[in-house]
Amino acid sequence: MADQTDSTEQDGTGNEKNIETQSNVLLEKTTETFQWWNRLSTINAEDPIWLSFLKIGFRIIGILFLIAISPLVLLGIFFAFIAAG
């Protein structure tokens, strides 16, 4: 890891922020959350029928949630490009 270069930038106060580390932390948290959700809603052969229906419901809720937030995510990306430019 000694030869790995990190992207850093200065904020207004002169403190260095490690951009690479921040994006890795966000990526890891997102991955953990997705894996948790996937394990929660995976239908197993030994699950009772009512639990299978509940897990299907969890999948549907997850899909509806992602559809609901997608315009907000696109709007956030749009404003991020405006702010960066």
PDB file of N, CA and C in Angstrom:
ATOM      1  N   MET A   1       0.797  -1.188   0.000  1.00  0.00           N
ATOM      2  CA  MET A   1       0.000   0.000   0.000  1.00  0.00           C
ATOM      3  C   MET A   1       0.848   1.264   0.000  1.00  0.00           C
ATOM      4  N   ALA A   2       2.145   1.125   0.194  1.00  0.00           N
ATOM      5  CA  ALA A   2       3.002   2.292   0.275  1.00  0.00           C
ATOM      6  C   ALA A   2       3.069   3.025  -1.057  1.00  0.00           C
ATOM      7  N   ASP A   3       2.906   2.312  -2.164  1.00  0.00           N
ATOM      8  CA  ASP A   3       2.998   2.955  -3.467  1.00  0.00           C
ATOM      9  C   ASP A   3       1.649   3.439  -3.972  1.00  0.00           C
ATOM     10  N   GLN A   4       0.605   3.317  -3.172  1.00  0.00           N
ATOM     11  CA  GLN A   4      -0.709   3.794  -3.592  1.00  0.00           C
ATOM     12  C   GLN A   4      -0.775   5.306  -3.400  1.00  0.00           C
ATOM     13  N   THR A   5      -1.225   6.012  -4.426  1.00  0.00           N
ATOM     14  CA  THR A   5      -1.343   7.466  -4.328  1.00  0.00           C
ATOM     15  C   THR A   5      -2.768   7.823  -3.953  1.00  0.00           C
ATOM     16  N   ASP A   6      -2.897   8.765  -3.057  1.00  0.00           N
ATOM     17  CA  ASP A   6      -4.208   9.214  -2.607  1.00  0.00           C
ATOM     18  C   ASP A   6      -4.508  10.579  -3.190  1.00  0.00           C
ATOM     19  N   SER A   7      -5.758  10.792  -3.544  1.00  0.00           N
ATOM     20  CA  SER A   7      -6.201  12.088  -4.014  1.00  0.00           C
ATOM     21  C   SER A   7      -6.520  12.947  -2.795  1.00  0.00           C
ATOM     22  N   THR A   8      -5.897  14.094  -2.705  1.00  0.00           N
ATOM     23  CA  THR A   8      -6.184  14.999  -1.600  1.00  0.00           C
ATOM     24  C   THR A   8      -6.522  16.357  -2.163  1.00  0.00           C
ATOM     25  N   GLU A   9      -7.249  17.117  -1.365  1.00  0.00           N
ATOM     26  CA  GLU A   9      -7.541  18.478  -1.763  1.00  0.00           C
ATOM     27  C   GLU A   9      -7.576  19.336  -0.510  1.00  0.00           C
ATOM     28  N   GLN A  10      -7.393  20.622  -0.674  1.00  0.00           N
ATOM     29  CA  GLN A  10      -7.417  21.551   0.440  1.00  0.00           C
ATOM     30  C   GLN A  10      -8.814  22.154   0.556  1.00  0.00           C
ATOM     31  N   ASP A  11      -9.331  22.195   1.798  1.00  0.00           N
ATOM     32  CA  ASP A  11     -10.553  22.962   1.976  1.00  0.00           C
ATOM     33  C   ASP A  11     -10.157  24.367   2.409  1.00  0.00           C
ATOM     34  N   GLY A  12     -11.109  25.214   2.669  1.00  0.00           N
ATOM     35  CA  GLY A  12     -10.837  26.615   2.968  1.00  0.00           C
ATOM     36  C   GLY A  12     -10.001  26.835   4.213  1.00  0.00           C
ATOM     37  N   THR A  13      -9.961  25.903   5.144  1.00  0.00           N
ATOM     38  CA  THR A  13      -9.235  26.093   6.393  1.00  0.00           C
ATOM     39  C   THR A  13      -7.816  25.550   6.344  1.00  0.00           C
ATOM     40  N   GLY A  14      -7.415  24.971   5.251  1.00  0.00           N
ATOM     41  CA  GLY A  14      -6.066  24.437   5.124  1.00  0.00           C
ATOM     42  C   GLY A  14      -5.955  22.989   5.572  1.00  0.00           C
ATOM     43  N   ASN A  15      -7.032  22.361   5.956  1.00  0.00           N
ATOM     44  CA  ASN A  15      -7.003  20.956   6.353  1.00  0.00           C
ATOM     45  C   ASN A  15      -7.080  20.081   5.119  1.00  0.00           C
ATOM     46  N   GLU A  16      -6.255  19.027   5.094  1.00  0.00           N
ATOM     47  CA  GLU A  16      -6.303  18.103   3.971  1.00  0.00           C
ATOM     48  C   GLU A  16      -7.437  17.121   4.171  1.00  0.00           C
ATOM     49  N   LYS A  17      -8.176  16.890   3.109  1.00  0.00           N
ATOM     50  CA  LYS A  17      -9.227  15.873   3.129  1.00  0.00           C
ATOM     51  C   LYS A  17      -8.801  14.780   2.171  1.00  0.00           C
ATOM     52  N   ASN A  18      -8.872  13.557   2.627  1.00  0.00           N
ATOM     53  CA  ASN A  18      -8.474  12.436   1.796  1.00  0.00           C
ATOM     54  C   ASN A  18      -9.710  11.956   1.030  1.00  0.00           C
ATOM     55  N   ILE A  19      -9.809  12.371  -0.222  1.00  0.00           N
ATOM     56  CA  ILE A  19     -10.969  12.057  -1.056  1.00  0.00           C
ATOM     57  C   ILE A  19     -11.066  10.557  -1.305  1.00  0.00           C
ATOM     58  N   GLU A  20      -9.934   9.916  -1.529  1.00  0.00           N
ATOM     59  CA  GLU A  20      -9.926   8.480  -1.825  1.00  0.00           C
ATOM     60  C   GLU A  20     -10.487   7.692  -0.646  1.00  0.00           C
ATOM     61  N   THR A  21     -10.091   8.048   0.562  1.00  0.00           N
ATOM     62  CA  THR A  21     -10.568   7.348   1.748  1.00  0.00           C
ATOM     63  C   THR A  21     -12.059   7.568   1.953  1.00  0.00           C
ATOM     64  N   GLN A  22     -12.531   8.783   1.743  1.00  0.00           N
ATOM     65  CA  GLN A  22     -13.949   9.083   1.914  1.00  0.00           C
ATOM     66  C   GLN A  22     -14.804   8.296   0.932  1.00  0.00           C
ATOM     67  N   SER A  23     -14.369   8.195  -0.308  1.00  0.00           N
ATOM     68  CA  SER A  23     -15.150   7.435  -1.284  1.00  0.00           C
ATOM     69  C   SER A  23     -15.095   5.947  -0.995  1.00  0.00           C
ATOM     70  N   ASN A  24     -13.968   5.447  -0.467  1.00  0.00           N
ATOM     71  CA  ASN A  24     -13.891   4.031  -0.084  1.00  0.00           C
ATOM     72  C   ASN A  24     -14.820   3.723   1.074  1.00  0.00           C
ATOM     73  N   VAL A  25     -14.898   4.620   2.050  1.00  0.00           N
ATOM     74  CA  VAL A  25     -15.793   4.421   3.191  1.00  0.00           C
ATOM     75  C   VAL A  25     -17.238   4.389   2.716  1.00  0.00           C
ATOM     76  N   LEU A  26     -17.600   5.313   1.831  1.00  0.00           N
ATOM     77  CA  LEU A  26     -18.963   5.350   1.295  1.00  0.00           C
ATOM     78  C   LEU A  26     -19.269   4.094   0.489  1.00  0.00           C
ATOM     79  N   LEU A  27     -18.316   3.650  -0.305  1.00  0.00           N
ATOM     80  CA  LEU A  27     -18.503   2.442  -1.108  1.00  0.00           C
ATOM     81  C   LEU A  27     -18.666   1.211  -0.222  1.00  0.00           C
ATOM     82  N   GLU A  28     -17.855   1.103   0.827  1.00  0.00           N
ATOM     83  CA  GLU A  28     -17.965  -0.035   1.742  1.00  0.00           C
ATOM     84  C   GLU A  28     -19.302  -0.044   2.468  1.00  0.00           C
ATOM     85  N   LYS A  29     -19.747   1.115   2.920  1.00  0.00           N
ATOM     86  CA  LYS A  29     -21.030   1.208   3.623  1.00  0.00           C
ATOM     87  C   LYS A  29     -22.176   0.842   2.684  1.00  0.00           C
ATOM     88  N   THR A  30     -22.126   1.302   1.457  1.00  0.00           N
ATOM     89  CA  THR A  30     -23.155   0.977   0.477  1.00  0.00           C
ATOM     90  C   THR A  30     -23.171  -0.520   0.193  1.00  0.00           C
ATOM     91  N   THR A  31     -21.989  -1.115   0.057  1.00  0.00           N
ATOM     92  CA  THR A  31     -21.887  -2.553  -0.190  1.00  0.00           C
ATOM     93  C   THR A  31     -22.446  -3.356   0.981  1.00  0.00           C
ATOM     94  N   GLU A  32     -22.101  -2.957   2.204  1.00  0.00           N
ATOM     95  CA  GLU A  32     -22.609  -3.653   3.387  1.00  0.00           C
ATOM     96  C   GLU A  32     -24.132  -3.562   3.472  1.00  0.00           C
ATOM     97  N   THR A  33     -24.673  -2.385   3.179  1.00  0.00           N
ATOM     98  CA  THR A  33     -26.122  -2.197   3.235  1.00  0.00           C
ATOM     99  C   THR A  33     -26.824  -3.039   2.182  1.00  0.00           C
ATOM    100  N   PHE A  34     -26.273  -3.068   0.968  1.00  0.00           N
ATOM    101  CA  PHE A  34     -26.870  -3.890  -0.077  1.00  0.00           C
ATOM    102  C   PHE A  34     -26.821  -5.360   0.289  1.00  0.00           C
ATOM    103  N   GLN A  35     -25.694  -5.833   0.810  1.00  0.00           N
ATOM    104  CA  GLN A  35     -25.569  -7.246   1.185  1.00  0.00           C
ATOM    105  C   GLN A  35     -26.535  -7.602   2.311  1.00  0.00           C
ATOM    106  N   TRP A  36     -26.719  -6.682   3.279  1.00  0.00           N
ATOM    107  CA  TRP A  36     -27.665  -6.919   4.360  1.00  0.00           C
ATOM    108  C   TRP A  36     -29.079  -7.058   3.796  1.00  0.00           C
ATOM    109  N   TRP A  37     -29.448  -6.134   2.904  1.00  0.00           N
ATOM    110  CA  TRP A  37     -30.786  -6.166   2.304  1.00  0.00           C
ATOM    111  C   TRP A  37     -30.973  -7.429   1.473  1.00  0.00           C
ATOM    112  N   ASN A  38     -29.952  -7.824   0.749  1.00  0.00           N
ATOM    113  CA  ASN A  38     -30.032  -9.014  -0.091  1.00  0.00           C
ATOM    114  C   ASN A  38     -30.193 -10.281   0.752  1.00  0.00           C
ATOM    115  N   ARG A  39     -29.426 -10.373   1.853  1.00  0.00           N
ATOM    116  CA  ARG A  39     -29.571 -11.531   2.743  1.00  0.00           C
ATOM    117  C   ARG A  39     -30.949 -11.547   3.407  1.00  0.00           C
ATOM    118  N   LEU A  40     -31.449 -10.366   3.762  1.00  0.00           N
ATOM    119  CA  LEU A  40     -32.758 -10.269   4.402  1.00  0.00           C
ATOM    120  C   LEU A  40     -33.871 -10.770   3.490  1.00  0.00           C
ATOM    121  N   SER A  41     -33.791 -10.453   2.233  1.00  0.00           N
ATOM    122  CA  SER A  41     -34.895 -10.750   1.325  1.00  0.00           C
ATOM    123  C   SER A  41     -34.652 -11.966   0.429  1.00  0.00           C
ATOM    124  N   THR A  42     -33.604 -12.735   0.682  1.00  0.00           N
ATOM    125  CA  THR A  42     -33.359 -13.949  -0.086  1.00  0.00           C
ATOM    126  C   THR A  42     -34.265 -15.069   0.414  1.00  0.00           C
ATOM    127  N   ILE A  43     -34.981 -15.692  -0.495  1.00  0.00           N
ATOM    128  CA  ILE A  43     -35.893 -16.778  -0.143  1.00  0.00           C
ATOM    129  C   ILE A  43     -35.096 -18.078  -0.093  1.00  0.00           C
ATOM    130  N   ASN A  44     -35.181 -18.752   1.045  1.00  0.00           N
ATOM    131  CA  ASN A  44     -34.492 -20.021   1.235  1.00  0.00           C
ATOM    132  C   ASN A  44     -35.504 -21.165   1.191  1.00  0.00           C
ATOM    133  N   ALA A  45     -35.024 -22.365   0.887  1.00  0.00           N
ATOM    134  CA  ALA A  45     -35.904 -23.521   0.773  1.00  0.00           C
ATOM    135  C   ALA A  45     -36.561 -23.868   2.105  1.00  0.00           C
ATOM    136  N   GLU A  46     -35.883 -23.622   3.205  1.00  0.00           N
ATOM    137  CA  GLU A  46     -36.443 -23.980   4.510  1.00  0.00           C
ATOM    138  C   GLU A  46     -37.367 -22.911   5.102  1.00  0.00           C
ATOM    139  N   ASP A  47     -37.554 -21.794   4.400  1.00  0.00           N
ATOM    140  CA  ASP A  47     -38.450 -20.746   4.892  1.00  0.00           C
ATOM    141  C   ASP A  47     -39.902 -21.187   4.796  1.00  0.00           C
ATOM    142  N   PRO A  48     -40.712 -20.871   5.834  1.00  0.00           N
ATOM    143  CA  PRO A  48     -42.155 -21.135   5.712  1.00  0.00           C
ATOM    144  C   PRO A  48     -42.772 -20.229   4.646  1.00  0.00           C
ATOM    145  N   ILE A  49     -43.942 -20.588   4.191  1.00  0.00           N
ATOM    146  CA  ILE A  49     -44.581 -19.855   3.092  1.00  0.00           C
ATOM    147  C   ILE A  49     -44.854 -18.400   3.457  1.00  0.00           C
ATOM    148  N   TRP A  50     -45.258 -18.170   4.728  1.00  0.00           N
ATOM    149  CA  TRP A  50     -45.549 -16.788   5.125  1.00  0.00           C
ATOM    150  C   TRP A  50     -44.283 -15.932   5.120  1.00  0.00           C
ATOM    151  N   LEU A  51     -43.146 -16.524   5.465  1.00  0.00           N
ATOM    152  CA  LEU A  51     -41.884 -15.786   5.441  1.00  0.00           C
ATOM    153  C   LEU A  51     -41.450 -15.509   3.996  1.00  0.00           C
ATOM    154  N   SER A  52     -41.733 -16.435   3.106  1.00  0.00           N
ATOM    155  CA  SER A  52     -41.418 -16.209   1.695  1.00  0.00           C
ATOM    156  C   SER A  52     -42.206 -15.036   1.145  1.00  0.00           C
ATOM    157  N   PHE A  53     -43.501 -14.956   1.492  1.00  0.00           N
ATOM    158  CA  PHE A  53     -44.310 -13.811   1.056  1.00  0.00           C
ATOM    159  C   PHE A  53     -43.799 -12.517   1.669  1.00  0.00           C
ATOM    160  N   LEU A  54     -43.368 -12.565   2.921  1.00  0.00           N
ATOM    161  CA  LEU A  54     -42.821 -11.390   3.582  1.00  0.00           C
ATOM    162  C   LEU A  54     -41.543 -10.925   2.881  1.00  0.00           C
ATOM    163  N   LYS A  55     -40.696 -11.871   2.491  1.00  0.00           N
ATOM    164  CA  LYS A  55     -39.462 -11.525   1.801  1.00  0.00           C
ATOM    165  C   LYS A  55     -39.738 -10.961   0.412  1.00  0.00           C
ATOM    166  N   ILE A  56     -40.749 -11.480  -0.262  1.00  0.00           N
ATOM    167  CA  ILE A  56     -41.143 -10.906  -1.555  1.00  0.00           C
ATOM    168  C   ILE A  56     -41.612  -9.468  -1.343  1.00  0.00           C
ATOM    169  N   GLY A  57     -42.344  -9.249  -0.254  1.00  0.00           N
ATOM    170  CA  GLY A  57     -42.772  -7.889   0.083  1.00  0.00           C
ATOM    171  C   GLY A  57     -41.586  -6.970   0.322  1.00  0.00           C
ATOM    172  N   PHE A  58     -40.551  -7.483   1.017  1.00  0.00           N
ATOM    173  CA  PHE A  58     -39.341  -6.690   1.230  1.00  0.00           C
ATOM    174  C   PHE A  58     -38.690  -6.318  -0.098  1.00  0.00           C
ATOM    175  N   ARG A  59     -38.651  -7.261  -1.027  1.00  0.00           N
ATOM    176  CA  ARG A  59     -38.086  -6.974  -2.356  1.00  0.00           C
ATOM    177  C   ARG A  59     -38.879  -5.877  -3.060  1.00  0.00           C
ATOM    178  N   ILE A  60     -40.206  -5.973  -3.009  1.00  0.00           N
ATOM    179  CA  ILE A  60     -41.055  -4.984  -3.671  1.00  0.00           C
ATOM    180  C   ILE A  60     -40.856  -3.614  -3.042  1.00  0.00           C
ATOM    181  N   ILE A  61     -40.798  -3.561  -1.703  1.00  0.00           N
ATOM    182  CA  ILE A  61     -40.566  -2.288  -1.022  1.00  0.00           C
ATOM    183  C   ILE A  61     -39.215  -1.703  -1.432  1.00  0.00           C
ATOM    184  N   GLY A  62     -38.200  -2.541  -1.515  1.00  0.00           N
ATOM    185  CA  GLY A  62     -36.876  -2.073  -1.926  1.00  0.00           C
ATOM    186  C   GLY A  62     -36.873  -1.508  -3.335  1.00  0.00           C
ATOM    187  N   ILE A  63     -37.542  -2.189  -4.236  1.00  0.00           N
ATOM    188  CA  ILE A  63     -37.614  -1.703  -5.619  1.00  0.00           C
ATOM    189  C   ILE A  63     -38.371  -0.380  -5.687  1.00  0.00           C
ATOM    190  N   LEU A  64     -39.491  -0.292  -4.981  1.00  0.00           N
ATOM    191  CA  LEU A  64     -40.266   0.955  -4.974  1.00  0.00           C
ATOM    192  C   LEU A  64     -39.467   2.090  -4.351  1.00  0.00           C
ATOM    193  N   PHE A  65     -38.701   1.796  -3.308  1.00  0.00           N
ATOM    194  CA  PHE A  65     -37.870   2.822  -2.679  1.00  0.00           C
ATOM    195  C   PHE A  65     -36.810   3.336  -3.650  1.00  0.00           C
ATOM    196  N   LEU A  66     -36.155   2.425  -4.358  1.00  0.00           N
ATOM    197  CA  LEU A  66     -35.132   2.845  -5.316  1.00  0.00           C
ATOM    198  C   LEU A  66     -35.732   3.657  -6.462  1.00  0.00           C
ATOM    199  N   ILE A  67     -36.916   3.267  -6.910  1.00  0.00           N
ATOM    200  CA  ILE A  67     -37.587   4.041  -7.959  1.00  0.00           C
ATOM    201  C   ILE A  67     -37.957   5.423  -7.445  1.00  0.00           C
ATOM    202  N   ALA A  68     -38.396   5.490  -6.184  1.00  0.00           N
ATOM    203  CA  ALA A  68     -38.809   6.772  -5.612  1.00  0.00           C
ATOM    204  C   ALA A  68     -37.646   7.737  -5.432  1.00  0.00           C
ATOM    205  N   ILE A  69     -36.467   7.225  -5.047  1.00  0.00           N
ATOM    206  CA  ILE A  69     -35.344   8.132  -4.808  1.00  0.00           C
ATOM    207  C   ILE A  69     -34.536   8.424  -6.066  1.00  0.00           C
ATOM    208  N   SER A  70     -34.756   7.705  -7.147  1.00  0.00           N
ATOM    209  CA  SER A  70     -33.925   7.909  -8.336  1.00  0.00           C
ATOM    210  C   SER A  70     -34.006   9.332  -8.891  1.00  0.00           C
ATOM    211  N   PRO A  71     -35.175   9.990  -8.936  1.00  0.00           N
ATOM    212  CA  PRO A  71     -35.163  11.388  -9.408  1.00  0.00           C
ATOM    213  C   PRO A  71     -34.367  12.294  -8.471  1.00  0.00           C
ATOM    214  N   LEU A  72     -34.409  12.029  -7.176  1.00  0.00           N
ATOM    215  CA  LEU A  72     -33.654  12.838  -6.234  1.00  0.00           C
ATOM    216  C   LEU A  72     -32.160  12.625  -6.406  1.00  0.00           C
ATOM    217  N   VAL A  73     -31.755  11.407  -6.687  1.00  0.00           N
ATOM    218  CA  VAL A  73     -30.345  11.120  -6.916  1.00  0.00           C
ATOM    219  C   VAL A  73     -29.881  11.836  -8.181  1.00  0.00           C
ATOM    220  N   LEU A  74     -30.662  11.769  -9.237  1.00  0.00           N
ATOM    221  CA  LEU A  74     -30.299  12.458 -10.478  1.00  0.00           C
ATOM    222  C   LEU A  74     -30.217  13.962 -10.266  1.00  0.00           C
ATOM    223  N   LEU A  75     -31.141  14.505  -9.482  1.00  0.00           N
ATOM    224  CA  LEU A  75     -31.113  15.928  -9.184  1.00  0.00           C
ATOM    225  C   LEU A  75     -29.863  16.278  -8.370  1.00  0.00           C
ATOM    226  N   GLY A  76     -29.497  15.426  -7.430  1.00  0.00           N
ATOM    227  CA  GLY A  76     -28.285  15.652  -6.645  1.00  0.00           C
ATOM    228  C   GLY A  76     -27.034  15.618  -7.499  1.00  0.00           C
ATOM    229  N   ILE A  77     -26.970  14.668  -8.425  1.00  0.00           N
ATOM    230  CA  ILE A  77     -25.823  14.592  -9.339  1.00  0.00           C
ATOM    231  C   ILE A  77     -25.759  15.841 -10.220  1.00  0.00           C
ATOM    232  N   PHE A  78     -26.910  16.285 -10.676  1.00  0.00           N
ATOM    233  CA  PHE A  78     -26.979  17.495 -11.502  1.00  0.00           C
ATOM    234  C   PHE A  78     -26.418  18.696 -10.741  1.00  0.00           C
ATOM    235  N   PHE A  79     -26.870  18.874  -9.489  1.00  0.00           N
ATOM    236  CA  PHE A  79     -26.393  20.009  -8.687  1.00  0.00           C
ATOM    237  C   PHE A  79     -24.911  19.858  -8.337  1.00  0.00           C
ATOM    238  N   ALA A  80     -24.441  18.626  -8.185  1.00  0.00           N
ATOM    239  CA  ALA A  80     -23.017  18.410  -7.906  1.00  0.00           C
ATOM    240  C   ALA A  80     -22.162  18.847  -9.086  1.00  0.00           C
ATOM    241  N   PHE A  81     -22.618  18.552 -10.304  1.00  0.00           N
ATOM    242  CA  PHE A  81     -21.868  18.995 -11.482  1.00  0.00           C
ATOM    243  C   PHE A  81     -21.908  20.508 -11.623  1.00  0.00           C
ATOM    244  N   ILE A  82     -23.029  21.114 -11.280  1.00  0.00           N
ATOM    245  CA  ILE A  82     -23.120  22.575 -11.335  1.00  0.00           C
ATOM    246  C   ILE A  82     -22.162  23.195 -10.314  1.00  0.00           C
ATOM    247  N   ALA A  83     -22.135  22.627  -9.102  1.00  0.00           N
ATOM    248  CA  ALA A  83     -21.276  23.165  -8.063  1.00  0.00           C
ATOM    249  C   ALA A  83     -19.794  22.967  -8.397  1.00  0.00           C
ATOM    250  N   ALA A  84     -19.479  21.857  -9.053  1.00  0.00           N
ATOM    251  CA  ALA A  84     -18.086  21.568  -9.387  1.00  0.00           C
ATOM    252  C   ALA A  84     -17.589  22.443 -10.541  1.00  0.00           C
ATOM    253  N   GLY A  85     -18.514  22.870 -11.371  1.00  0.00           N
ATOM    254  CA  GLY A  85     -18.125  23.606 -12.574  1.00  0.00           C
ATOM    255  C   GLY A  85     -18.001  25.052 -12.423  1.00  0.00           C
TER     256      GLY A  85
END
